[in-house]
Amino acid sequence: MDKNTELLTTRATSKFITRVELANELKVSPSTIYNWTRWDWIPSHKMGGRLVRYKLDEVLDALQSTSSF
């Protein structure tokens, strides 16, 4: 596990965060998060209607288990 992954892992909580917050944590653009969600590369939670939220720990687990990231 590299230094950045350790930092993100220590900050991972079970609270729901927005796409922009997740993008900031992962240092990618919000549109990248949107695409990853559309392609089912990362888990997301629909909160009624169009509201989508993420759990950082679930996303980190998904990214670590996928070698293409």
C-alpha atoms as a PDB file:
ATOM      1  CA  MET A   1       0.000   0.000   0.000  1.00  0.00           C
ATOM      2  CA  ASP A   2       1.518   3.311  -1.030  1.00  0.00           C
ATOM      3  CA  LYS A   3       1.550   6.504   1.007  1.00  0.00           C
ATOM      4  CA  ASN A   4      -1.454   8.122  -0.754  1.00  0.00           C
ATOM      5  CA  THR A   5      -3.569   4.999  -0.355  1.00  0.00           C
ATOM      6  CA  GLU A   6      -2.737   4.877   3.352  1.00  0.00           C
ATOM      7  CA  LEU A   7      -3.756   8.513   3.754  1.00  0.00           C
ATOM      8  CA  LEU A   8      -7.065   7.967   1.973  1.00  0.00           C
ATOM      9  CA  THR A   9      -7.711   4.763   3.901  1.00  0.00           C
ATOM     10  CA  THR A  10      -7.201   6.455   7.256  1.00  0.00           C
ATOM     11  CA  ARG A  11      -9.704   9.164   6.252  1.00  0.00           C
ATOM     12  CA  ALA A  12     -12.258   6.661   4.986  1.00  0.00           C
ATOM     13  CA  THR A  13     -15.480   6.748   6.938  1.00  0.00           C
ATOM     14  CA  SER A  14     -18.904   5.291   6.442  1.00  0.00           C
ATOM     15  CA  LYS A  15     -20.589   8.668   5.916  1.00  0.00           C
ATOM     16  CA  PHE A  16     -22.087   9.520   2.555  1.00  0.00           C
ATOM     17  CA  ILE A  17     -20.251  12.068   0.417  1.00  0.00           C
ATOM     18  CA  THR A  18     -21.057  13.852  -2.835  1.00  0.00           C
ATOM     19  CA  ARG A  19     -19.475  13.282  -6.237  1.00  0.00           C
ATOM     20  CA  VAL A  20     -17.447  16.501  -5.897  1.00  0.00           C
ATOM     21  CA  GLU A  21     -16.202  15.537  -2.431  1.00  0.00           C
ATOM     22  CA  LEU A  22     -15.210  12.096  -3.718  1.00  0.00           C
ATOM     23  CA  ALA A  23     -13.439  13.639  -6.705  1.00  0.00           C
ATOM     24  CA  ASN A  24     -11.472  15.909  -4.364  1.00  0.00           C
ATOM     25  CA  GLU A  25     -10.467  12.954  -2.176  1.00  0.00           C
ATOM     26  CA  LEU A  26      -9.302  10.900  -5.172  1.00  0.00           C
ATOM     27  CA  LYS A  27      -7.772  13.898  -6.992  1.00  0.00           C
ATOM     28  CA  VAL A  28      -9.783  13.300 -10.165  1.00  0.00           C
ATOM     29  CA  SER A  29     -12.473  15.374 -11.859  1.00  0.00           C
ATOM     30  CA  PRO A  30     -16.157  15.076 -10.935  1.00  0.00           C
ATOM     31  CA  SER A  31     -16.848  13.956 -14.510  1.00  0.00           C
ATOM     32  CA  THR A  32     -14.477  11.006 -13.956  1.00  0.00           C
ATOM     33  CA  ILE A  33     -16.502   9.995 -10.898  1.00  0.00           C
ATOM     34  CA  TYR A  34     -19.670  10.339 -12.969  1.00  0.00           C
ATOM     35  CA  ASN A  35     -18.242   8.066 -15.685  1.00  0.00           C
ATOM     36  CA  TRP A  36     -16.947   5.475 -13.213  1.00  0.00           C
ATOM     37  CA  THR A  37     -20.422   5.378 -11.683  1.00  0.00           C
ATOM     38  CA  ARG A  38     -22.117   4.977 -15.080  1.00  0.00           C
ATOM     39  CA  TRP A  39     -19.769   2.152 -15.986  1.00  0.00           C
ATOM     40  CA  ASP A  40     -20.333   0.446 -12.576  1.00  0.00           C
ATOM     41  CA  TRP A  41     -16.640   0.690 -11.715  1.00  0.00           C
ATOM     42  CA  ILE A  42     -17.412   2.178  -8.286  1.00  0.00           C
ATOM     43  CA  PRO A  43     -20.352   1.619  -5.936  1.00  0.00           C
ATOM     44  CA  SER A  44     -22.903   4.380  -5.469  1.00  0.00           C
ATOM     45  CA  HIS A  45     -26.097   4.880  -3.491  1.00  0.00           C
ATOM     46  CA  LYS A  46     -29.215   6.510  -4.928  1.00  0.00           C
ATOM     47  CA  MET A  47     -30.977   8.639  -2.345  1.00  0.00           C
ATOM     48  CA  GLY A  48     -34.316   8.932  -4.084  1.00  0.00           C
ATOM     49  CA  GLY A  49     -34.745  10.574  -7.434  1.00  0.00           C
ATOM     50  CA  ARG A  50     -31.452  11.668  -8.973  1.00  0.00           C
ATOM     51  CA  LEU A  51     -29.462  12.215  -5.764  1.00  0.00           C
ATOM     52  CA  VAL A  52     -26.368   9.971  -5.729  1.00  0.00           C
ATOM     53  CA  ARG A  53     -23.950   9.616  -2.826  1.00  0.00           C
ATOM     54  CA  TYR A  54     -20.834   7.563  -2.207  1.00  0.00           C
ATOM     55  CA  LYS A  55     -19.084   5.940   0.733  1.00  0.00           C
ATOM     56  CA  LEU A  56     -15.355   6.574   0.517  1.00  0.00           C
ATOM     57  CA  ASP A  57     -14.395   3.236   2.086  1.00  0.00           C
ATOM     58  CA  GLU A  58     -16.515   1.299  -0.439  1.00  0.00           C
ATOM     59  CA  VAL A  59     -15.047   3.225  -3.369  1.00  0.00           C
ATOM     60  CA  LEU A  60     -11.480   2.691  -2.140  1.00  0.00           C
ATOM     61  CA  ASP A  61     -12.130  -1.040  -1.778  1.00  0.00           C
ATOM     62  CA  ALA A  62     -13.519  -1.196  -5.319  1.00  0.00           C
ATOM     63  CA  LEU A  63     -10.573   0.724  -6.753  1.00  0.00           C
ATOM     64  CA  GLN A  64      -8.018  -1.395  -4.915  1.00  0.00           C
ATOM     65  CA  SER A  65      -9.605  -4.625  -6.129  1.00  0.00           C
ATOM     66  CA  THR A  66      -9.605  -3.435  -9.763  1.00  0.00           C
ATOM     67  CA  SER A  67      -6.156  -3.475 -11.312  1.00  0.00           C
ATOM     68  CA  SER A  68      -7.080  -1.116 -14.174  1.00  0.00           C
ATOM     69  CA  PHE A  69      -7.099   1.963 -11.883  1.00  0.00           C
END
